[in-house]
Protein backbone atom coordinates (compact mmCIF):
# COMPACT_ATOMS: atom_id res chain seq x y z
CA UNK A 1 -48.73 21.04 -42.85
CA UNK A 2 -46.30 23.15 -44.81
CA UNK A 3 -45.89 25.50 -41.85
CA UNK A 4 -44.97 22.57 -39.56
CA UNK A 5 -42.39 21.33 -42.05
CA UNK A 6 -40.88 24.80 -42.34
CA UNK A 7 -40.84 25.13 -38.54
CA UNK A 8 -39.02 21.81 -38.11
CA UNK A 9 -36.50 22.72 -40.80
CA UNK A 10 -35.90 26.08 -39.14
CA UNK A 11 -35.32 24.45 -35.74
CA UNK A 12 -32.93 21.93 -37.33
CA UNK A 13 -30.94 24.73 -38.95
CA UNK A 14 -30.82 26.64 -35.68
CA UNK A 15 -29.59 23.55 -33.81
CA UNK A 16 -26.87 22.95 -36.38
CA UNK A 17 -25.84 26.58 -36.19
CA UNK A 18 -25.79 26.45 -32.39
CA UNK A 19 -23.65 23.30 -32.38
CA UNK A 20 -21.26 24.86 -34.87
CA UNK A 21 -21.02 27.97 -32.71
CA UNK A 22 -20.31 25.91 -29.57
CA UNK A 23 -17.70 23.90 -31.45
CA UNK A 24 -16.01 27.06 -32.68
CA UNK A 25 -16.05 28.55 -29.16
CA UNK A 26 -14.61 25.32 -27.74
CA UNK A 27 -11.78 25.34 -30.27
CA UNK A 28 -11.12 29.01 -29.53
CA UNK A 29 -11.06 28.31 -25.78
CA UNK A 30 -8.67 25.43 -26.34
CA UNK A 31 -6.32 27.56 -28.39
CA UNK A 32 -6.40 30.30 -25.77
CA UNK A 33 -5.79 27.82 -22.94
CA UNK A 34 -2.90 26.13 -24.77
CA UNK A 35 -1.37 29.53 -25.44
CA UNK A 36 -1.71 30.53 -21.77
CA UNK A 37 -0.23 27.26 -20.52
CA UNK A 38 2.63 27.51 -23.00
CA UNK A 39 3.39 31.08 -21.91
CA UNK A 40 3.59 30.07 -18.24
CA UNK A 41 5.72 27.05 -19.09
CA UNK A 42 8.22 29.07 -21.10
CA UNK A 43 8.46 31.69 -18.38
CA UNK A 44 8.93 29.03 -15.71
CA UNK A 45 11.59 27.09 -17.60
CA UNK A 46 13.49 30.27 -18.42
CA UNK A 47 13.41 31.28 -14.75
CA UNK A 48 14.59 27.80 -13.73
CA UNK A 49 17.55 28.02 -16.08
CA UNK A 50 18.35 31.51 -14.79
CA UNK A 51 18.23 30.34 -11.16
CA UNK A 52 15.16 32.43 -10.23
CA UNK A 53 13.51 29.57 -8.32
CA UNK A 54 10.60 31.54 -6.86
CA UNK A 55 9.47 32.70 -10.30
CA UNK A 56 10.00 29.20 -11.71
CA UNK A 57 7.86 27.74 -8.92
CA UNK A 58 4.99 30.19 -9.51
CA UNK A 59 4.99 29.95 -13.31
CA UNK A 60 5.34 26.16 -13.63
CA UNK A 61 2.71 25.43 -11.01
CA UNK A 62 0.32 27.91 -12.62
CA UNK A 63 0.76 25.99 -15.88
CA UNK A 64 0.16 22.68 -14.10
CA UNK A 65 -3.02 23.95 -12.43
CA UNK A 66 -4.42 25.04 -15.81
CA UNK A 67 -3.82 21.69 -17.51
CA UNK A 68 -6.85 19.88 -15.98
CA UNK A 69 -9.09 22.48 -17.65
CA UNK A 70 -8.24 20.86 -20.99
CA UNK A 71 -10.08 17.71 -19.93
CA UNK A 72 -13.24 19.70 -19.31
CA UNK A 73 -13.39 21.15 -22.84
CA UNK A 74 -14.50 17.89 -24.43
CA UNK A 75 -13.06 15.41 -26.91
CA UNK A 76 -13.62 17.64 -29.96
CA UNK A 77 -11.60 20.46 -28.45
CA UNK A 78 -8.83 18.15 -27.22
CA UNK A 79 -8.48 16.74 -30.74
CA UNK A 80 -7.22 20.14 -31.81
CA UNK A 81 -4.27 20.14 -29.41
CA UNK A 82 -0.80 20.42 -30.96
CA UNK A 83 0.77 17.04 -31.63
CA UNK A 84 3.70 17.66 -29.26
CA UNK A 85 1.64 19.18 -26.44
CA UNK A 86 2.17 17.49 -23.04
CA UNK A 87 -0.96 16.75 -21.05
CA UNK A 88 1.09 16.52 -17.83
CA UNK A 89 4.17 18.47 -16.88
CA UNK A 90 7.05 16.71 -15.15
CA UNK A 91 7.87 19.09 -12.32
CA UNK A 92 10.47 16.88 -10.64
CA UNK A 93 13.38 18.99 -12.04
CA UNK A 94 11.94 22.05 -10.29
CA UNK A 95 11.67 20.16 -6.99
CA UNK A 96 15.26 18.91 -7.38
CA UNK A 97 16.55 22.42 -8.04
CA UNK A 98 14.72 23.77 -4.99
CA UNK A 99 15.99 20.89 -2.82
CA UNK A 100 19.61 21.36 -3.93
CA UNK A 101 19.45 25.02 -2.82
CA UNK A 102 17.67 24.15 0.46
CA UNK A 103 14.92 26.49 -0.69
CA UNK A 104 11.99 27.01 1.75
CA UNK A 105 9.52 25.93 -0.93
CA UNK A 106 11.25 22.62 -1.67
CA UNK A 107 9.03 20.56 0.64
CA UNK A 108 5.89 22.06 -0.91
CA UNK A 109 7.25 21.29 -4.38
CA UNK A 110 7.90 17.64 -3.57
CA UNK A 111 4.43 17.29 -2.05
CA UNK A 112 2.81 18.75 -5.15
CA UNK A 113 4.88 16.43 -7.35
CA UNK A 114 3.63 13.47 -5.32
CA UNK A 115 0.01 14.55 -5.80
CA UNK A 116 0.53 13.81 -9.52
CA UNK A 117 1.60 10.22 -8.71
CA UNK A 118 4.92 10.24 -10.61
CA UNK A 119 7.12 7.21 -11.27
CA UNK A 120 8.13 5.12 -8.24
CA UNK A 121 11.73 6.29 -8.49
CA UNK A 122 10.60 9.92 -8.22
CA UNK A 123 8.28 9.04 -5.32
CA UNK A 124 11.18 7.35 -3.50
CA UNK A 125 13.43 10.35 -4.15
CA UNK A 126 10.77 12.67 -2.75
CA UNK A 127 10.24 10.41 0.28
CA UNK A 128 13.93 10.46 1.21
CA UNK A 129 14.08 14.25 0.96
CA UNK A 130 10.85 14.78 2.91
CA UNK A 131 12.00 12.35 5.62
CA UNK A 132 15.20 14.35 6.13
CA UNK A 133 13.25 17.62 6.10
CA UNK A 134 10.69 16.33 8.60
CA UNK A 135 13.43 14.92 10.85
CA UNK A 136 15.14 18.34 10.91
CA UNK A 137 11.93 19.84 12.35
CA UNK A 138 12.00 17.34 15.23
CA UNK A 139 8.87 15.40 14.16
CA UNK A 140 10.49 11.97 14.46
CA UNK A 141 7.31 9.91 14.22
CA UNK A 142 6.20 11.57 11.00
CA UNK A 143 9.72 11.15 9.62
CA UNK A 144 9.53 7.44 10.45
CA UNK A 145 6.27 7.09 8.54
CA UNK A 146 7.89 8.69 5.48
CA UNK A 147 10.99 6.48 5.85
CA UNK A 148 8.74 3.42 5.82
CA UNK A 149 7.10 4.76 2.65
CA UNK A 150 10.52 5.22 1.02
CA UNK A 151 11.41 1.65 1.95
CA UNK A 152 8.19 0.36 0.34
CA UNK A 153 9.15 2.30 -2.81
CA UNK A 154 12.53 0.57 -3.02
CA UNK A 155 14.85 2.92 -1.09
CA UNK A 156 15.33 0.71 1.95
CA UNK A 157 16.87 1.61 5.31
CA UNK A 158 18.56 -1.10 7.42
CA UNK A 159 16.66 -2.45 10.41
CA UNK A 160 19.27 -1.24 12.93
CA UNK A 161 18.69 2.36 11.79
CA UNK A 162 14.94 1.89 12.14
CA UNK A 163 15.35 0.46 15.65
CA UNK A 164 17.50 3.44 16.69
CA UNK A 165 15.01 5.90 15.18
CA UNK A 166 12.09 4.22 16.98
CA UNK A 167 13.89 4.44 20.32
CA UNK A 168 14.66 8.13 19.69
CA UNK A 169 10.96 8.67 18.96
CA UNK A 170 10.04 7.04 22.29
CA UNK A 171 8.65 3.82 20.79
CA UNK A 172 9.79 0.34 21.79
CA UNK A 173 10.90 -1.41 18.53
CA UNK A 174 9.97 -5.00 19.57
CA UNK A 175 6.59 -3.75 20.79
CA UNK A 176 6.01 -1.92 17.50
CA UNK A 177 7.06 -5.03 15.54
CA UNK A 178 4.51 -7.11 17.46
CA UNK A 179 1.79 -4.49 16.93
CA UNK A 180 2.46 -4.34 13.19
CA UNK A 181 2.21 -8.12 12.84
CA UNK A 182 -1.13 -8.07 14.67
CA UNK A 183 -2.42 -5.13 12.60
CA UNK A 184 -1.58 -6.92 9.34
CA UNK A 185 -4.16 -9.59 10.25
CA UNK A 186 -7.02 -7.22 11.16
CA UNK A 187 -9.41 -6.26 8.34
CA UNK A 188 -10.58 -2.62 8.05
CA UNK A 189 -13.98 -3.30 9.64
CA UNK A 190 -12.42 -4.97 12.68
CA UNK A 191 -9.80 -2.23 12.86
CA UNK A 192 -12.57 0.37 13.17
CA UNK A 193 -14.34 -1.67 15.83
CA UNK A 194 -11.11 -2.09 17.80
CA UNK A 195 -10.19 1.60 17.32
CA UNK A 196 -6.83 0.50 15.93
CA UNK A 197 -4.53 3.54 15.75
CA UNK A 198 -1.32 4.13 13.86
CA UNK A 199 1.45 4.52 16.48
CA UNK A 200 3.30 6.97 14.22
CA UNK A 201 0.37 9.33 13.60
CA UNK A 202 -2.06 8.63 16.43
CA UNK A 203 -4.94 8.49 13.91
CA UNK A 204 -7.48 5.74 13.32
CA UNK A 205 -5.36 3.56 11.07
CA UNK A 206 -7.91 2.12 8.64
CA UNK A 207 -9.39 5.57 7.83
CA UNK A 208 -6.39 7.88 7.94
CA UNK A 209 -5.23 9.76 4.86
CA UNK A 210 -3.20 7.41 2.70
CA UNK A 211 -1.12 10.33 1.36
CA UNK A 212 1.85 10.04 3.73
CA UNK A 213 3.35 13.22 2.30
CA UNK A 214 0.33 15.45 3.05
CA UNK A 215 0.43 17.90 5.93
CA UNK A 216 -2.34 17.83 8.54
CA UNK A 217 -5.28 19.86 7.32
CA UNK A 218 -3.99 19.94 3.75
CA UNK A 219 -6.84 20.09 1.25
CA UNK A 220 -7.04 17.52 -1.49
CA UNK A 221 -8.56 14.16 -2.35
CA UNK A 222 -7.78 12.11 0.74
CA UNK A 223 -7.76 8.34 0.31
CA UNK A 224 -7.91 5.65 2.97
CA UNK A 225 -4.70 3.71 3.47
CA UNK A 226 -4.36 -0.06 3.21
CA UNK A 227 -3.31 -0.44 6.82
CA UNK A 228 -2.70 -4.20 6.55
CA UNK A 229 -0.16 -3.89 3.72
CA UNK A 230 1.39 -0.85 5.41
CA UNK A 231 1.72 -2.67 8.74
CA UNK A 232 3.33 -5.66 7.05
CA UNK A 233 5.81 -3.37 5.28
CA UNK A 234 6.73 -1.67 8.55
CA UNK A 235 7.22 -5.02 10.26
CA UNK A 236 9.51 -6.01 7.37
CA UNK A 237 11.63 -2.90 8.03
CA UNK A 238 11.91 -3.77 11.74
CA UNK A 239 12.71 -7.49 11.32
CA UNK A 240 16.23 -7.68 12.71
CA UNK A 241 16.96 -11.30 13.65
CA UNK A 242 16.32 -14.62 11.96
CA UNK A 243 13.50 -15.23 14.43
CA UNK A 244 11.92 -11.89 13.52
CA UNK A 245 12.07 -12.97 9.89
CA UNK A 246 10.22 -16.15 10.81
CA UNK A 247 7.37 -14.27 12.47
CA UNK A 248 7.26 -11.93 9.50
CA UNK A 249 7.02 -14.82 7.01
CA UNK A 250 4.19 -16.34 9.05
CA UNK A 251 2.30 -13.02 8.91
CA UNK A 252 2.98 -12.67 5.17
CA UNK A 253 1.52 -16.12 4.55
CA UNK A 254 -1.55 -15.25 6.63
CA UNK A 255 -1.96 -11.96 4.75
CA UNK A 256 -1.83 -13.74 1.39
CA UNK A 257 -4.30 -16.38 2.59
CA UNK A 258 -6.81 -13.75 3.71
CA UNK A 259 -9.26 -13.82 6.64
CA UNK A 260 -10.87 -17.12 5.62
CA UNK A 261 -7.61 -18.97 5.17
CA UNK A 262 -6.66 -21.25 2.29
CA UNK A 263 -9.89 -23.22 2.00
CA UNK A 264 -11.09 -21.97 -1.41
CA UNK A 265 -7.57 -21.78 -2.86
CA UNK A 266 -6.73 -25.30 -1.72
CA UNK A 267 -9.95 -26.70 -3.18
CA UNK A 268 -9.14 -25.14 -6.56
CA UNK A 269 -5.63 -26.61 -6.46
CA UNK A 270 -7.05 -30.03 -5.63
CA UNK A 271 -9.60 -29.79 -8.46
CA UNK A 272 -6.96 -28.59 -10.93
CA UNK A 273 -8.96 -25.51 -11.92
CA UNK A 274 -6.62 -22.77 -10.72
CA UNK A 275 -5.62 -19.78 -12.79
CA UNK A 276 -2.02 -18.61 -13.06
CA UNK A 277 -2.53 -15.97 -10.36
CA UNK A 278 -3.95 -18.55 -7.93
CA UNK A 279 -1.07 -20.93 -8.58
CA UNK A 280 1.37 -18.11 -7.87
CA UNK A 281 -0.45 -17.27 -4.62
CA UNK A 282 -0.41 -20.92 -3.55
CA UNK A 283 3.34 -21.15 -4.10
CA UNK A 284 4.00 -17.87 -2.28
CA UNK A 285 1.93 -18.95 0.74
CA UNK A 286 3.68 -22.31 0.90
CA UNK A 287 7.14 -20.72 0.66
CA UNK A 288 6.23 -18.21 3.38
CA UNK A 289 5.12 -20.92 5.81
CA UNK A 290 8.11 -23.14 5.00
CA UNK A 291 10.44 -20.18 5.59
CA UNK A 292 8.74 -19.56 8.93
CA UNK A 293 9.25 -23.22 9.90
CA UNK A 294 12.99 -22.96 9.17
CA UNK A 295 13.37 -19.87 11.37
CA UNK A 296 10.95 -20.87 14.16
CA UNK A 297 11.81 -24.52 14.88
CA UNK A 298 9.97 -24.57 18.24
CA UNK A 299 6.74 -22.83 17.13
CA UNK A 300 3.65 -24.81 16.13
CA UNK A 301 1.85 -22.03 14.23
CA UNK A 302 3.61 -22.36 10.82
CA UNK A 303 3.36 -26.19 10.98
CA UNK A 304 -0.42 -25.97 11.49
CA UNK A 305 -0.74 -23.40 8.72
CA UNK A 306 1.25 -25.50 6.24
CA UNK A 307 -0.66 -28.66 7.20
CA UNK A 308 -3.95 -26.82 6.60
CA UNK A 309 -2.79 -25.56 3.19
CA UNK A 310 -1.62 -28.99 2.04
CA UNK A 311 -4.71 -30.74 3.42
CA UNK A 312 -7.11 -28.58 1.40
CA UNK A 313 -4.87 -28.92 -1.68
CA UNK A 314 -5.07 -32.73 -1.52
CA UNK A 315 -1.58 -33.57 -0.21
CA UNK A 316 -2.92 -35.71 2.62
CA UNK A 317 0.28 -37.56 3.58
CA UNK A 318 2.33 -34.38 3.86
CA UNK A 319 -0.46 -32.68 5.78
CA UNK A 320 -0.61 -35.55 8.31
CA UNK A 321 3.16 -35.37 8.83
CA UNK A 322 3.05 -31.58 9.37
CA UNK A 323 0.12 -31.96 11.77
CA UNK A 324 2.11 -34.47 13.83
CA UNK A 325 5.04 -32.03 13.96
CA UNK A 326 2.72 -29.19 15.00
CA UNK A 327 1.30 -31.21 17.88
CA UNK A 328 4.80 -31.54 19.36
CA UNK A 329 5.47 -27.79 19.38
CA UNK A 330 4.33 -24.78 21.39
CA UNK A 331 1.69 -22.19 20.58
CA UNK A 332 3.13 -19.69 23.06
CA UNK A 333 1.07 -19.90 26.22
CA UNK A 334 -1.66 -21.65 28.18
CA UNK A 335 -4.47 -19.57 26.66
CA UNK A 336 -3.38 -20.45 23.12
CA UNK A 337 -3.00 -24.11 24.08
CA UNK A 338 -6.52 -24.14 25.52
CA UNK A 339 -8.40 -22.17 22.89
CA UNK A 340 -6.34 -22.09 19.67
CA UNK A 341 -4.96 -25.63 19.38
CA UNK A 342 -8.35 -27.39 19.05
CA UNK A 343 -9.39 -24.96 16.30
CA UNK A 344 -6.09 -25.27 14.43
CA UNK A 345 -6.31 -29.04 14.62
CA UNK A 346 -9.93 -29.00 13.41
CA UNK A 347 -9.04 -26.81 10.42
CA UNK A 348 -6.48 -29.37 9.28
CA UNK A 349 -8.86 -32.28 9.89
CA UNK A 350 -11.58 -30.51 7.91
CA UNK A 351 -9.21 -30.18 4.95
CA UNK A 352 -8.34 -33.88 5.22
CA UNK A 353 -12.02 -34.81 5.36
CA UNK A 354 -11.55 -36.67 8.64
CA UNK A 355 -13.02 -34.05 10.94
CA UNK A 356 -16.59 -33.58 12.16
CA UNK A 357 -19.28 -32.55 9.69
CA UNK A 358 -18.98 -28.89 8.75
CA UNK A 359 -16.15 -26.44 9.33
CA UNK A 360 -15.02 -24.98 12.65
CA UNK A 361 -17.23 -22.02 13.53
CA UNK A 362 -14.66 -20.26 15.74
CA UNK A 363 -12.65 -17.42 14.25
CA UNK A 364 -9.38 -18.44 12.61
CA UNK A 365 -6.81 -18.06 15.40
CA UNK A 366 -3.57 -16.08 15.14
CA UNK A 367 -0.59 -15.85 17.49
CA UNK A 368 -1.12 -13.16 20.12
CA UNK A 369 2.45 -11.93 19.82
CA UNK A 370 5.94 -13.23 18.96
CA UNK A 371 7.42 -15.28 21.77
CA UNK A 372 10.94 -16.45 22.52
CA UNK A 373 12.35 -19.89 21.95
CA UNK A 374 11.28 -22.44 24.53
CA UNK A 375 13.95 -23.65 27.00
CA UNK A 376 13.75 -27.26 25.85
CA UNK A 377 14.43 -26.28 22.25
CA UNK A 378 17.31 -23.99 23.24
CA UNK A 379 18.97 -26.91 25.10
CA UNK A 380 18.37 -29.22 22.14
CA UNK A 381 20.44 -27.05 19.80
CA UNK A 382 23.46 -26.85 22.14
């Protein structure tokens, strides 16, 4: 009995001693790592001030690559870090210095900065520089992809410039605009089944690397891109005329509504149980469809969409009026008139509660492609 008690006490003492030893080693490792990182940082910053960009690049990136090791030392070790120690180094000044000198390593620096997901303003700055650098190599399609990314980050390029760049890259701008609108309505699963490919990269769109700055074959944590949001953003960059804006607004409303349409959202609005985010979505969808109606006076699609939204939300009188307007307008071709109009009409009737029992089982129809203004409507506005 006494021997067992002594044995347990001995093991407990050994465990405490082992934990204390590990803790001391962890603190020692942390101190050594902080000292090493600090030494590389000081050397890199001194080289940057002296204009020795190659040394600055090597030293600062060595410091940055060592920083993740701090996370693997545990919370106890990290608690011993100096109060003013930075867990992440802002390397944008190094990339700017390299870019201003047209240094060969500037592109690599901007790409490494982007891997750290800096502020949007820094991402946009990097995108503009990488687009110019890629364009100088003659890779126009890759440069266009980066220009679209810069536009999404807030550094927009006018649509005329995009149209000219697409023609120089051998791509028809109206055809690309139509493709982007269609792609924004295709979910990732359907995109894989259809083998939907990005016209600017030639890769399967829903599974391609979302890091637009990465070179082909570059190692790293690749992430799938949101091809629907990306396609909508590209279409926004290519929208040149008021009519293009109308088709874009229709696609934006459809994207906000999702693949099943506005059924669930409208029911919540009617029941008065919406959250603030749902109310905001409802308003944005309605404004998108109303904007499309203003810019596409001869097209039935936005009228049907708005009638469906208002019908499910309980605005029956307005929905009936919009449905009557939609019936007088074109859907863009005989195939759409034959197959899409009955489904669009049934969706509105289902929201009004005056349709057949159950919901339409056919897939929610979308316009095949933008079409021009009908002759009768053109004559009406003269």
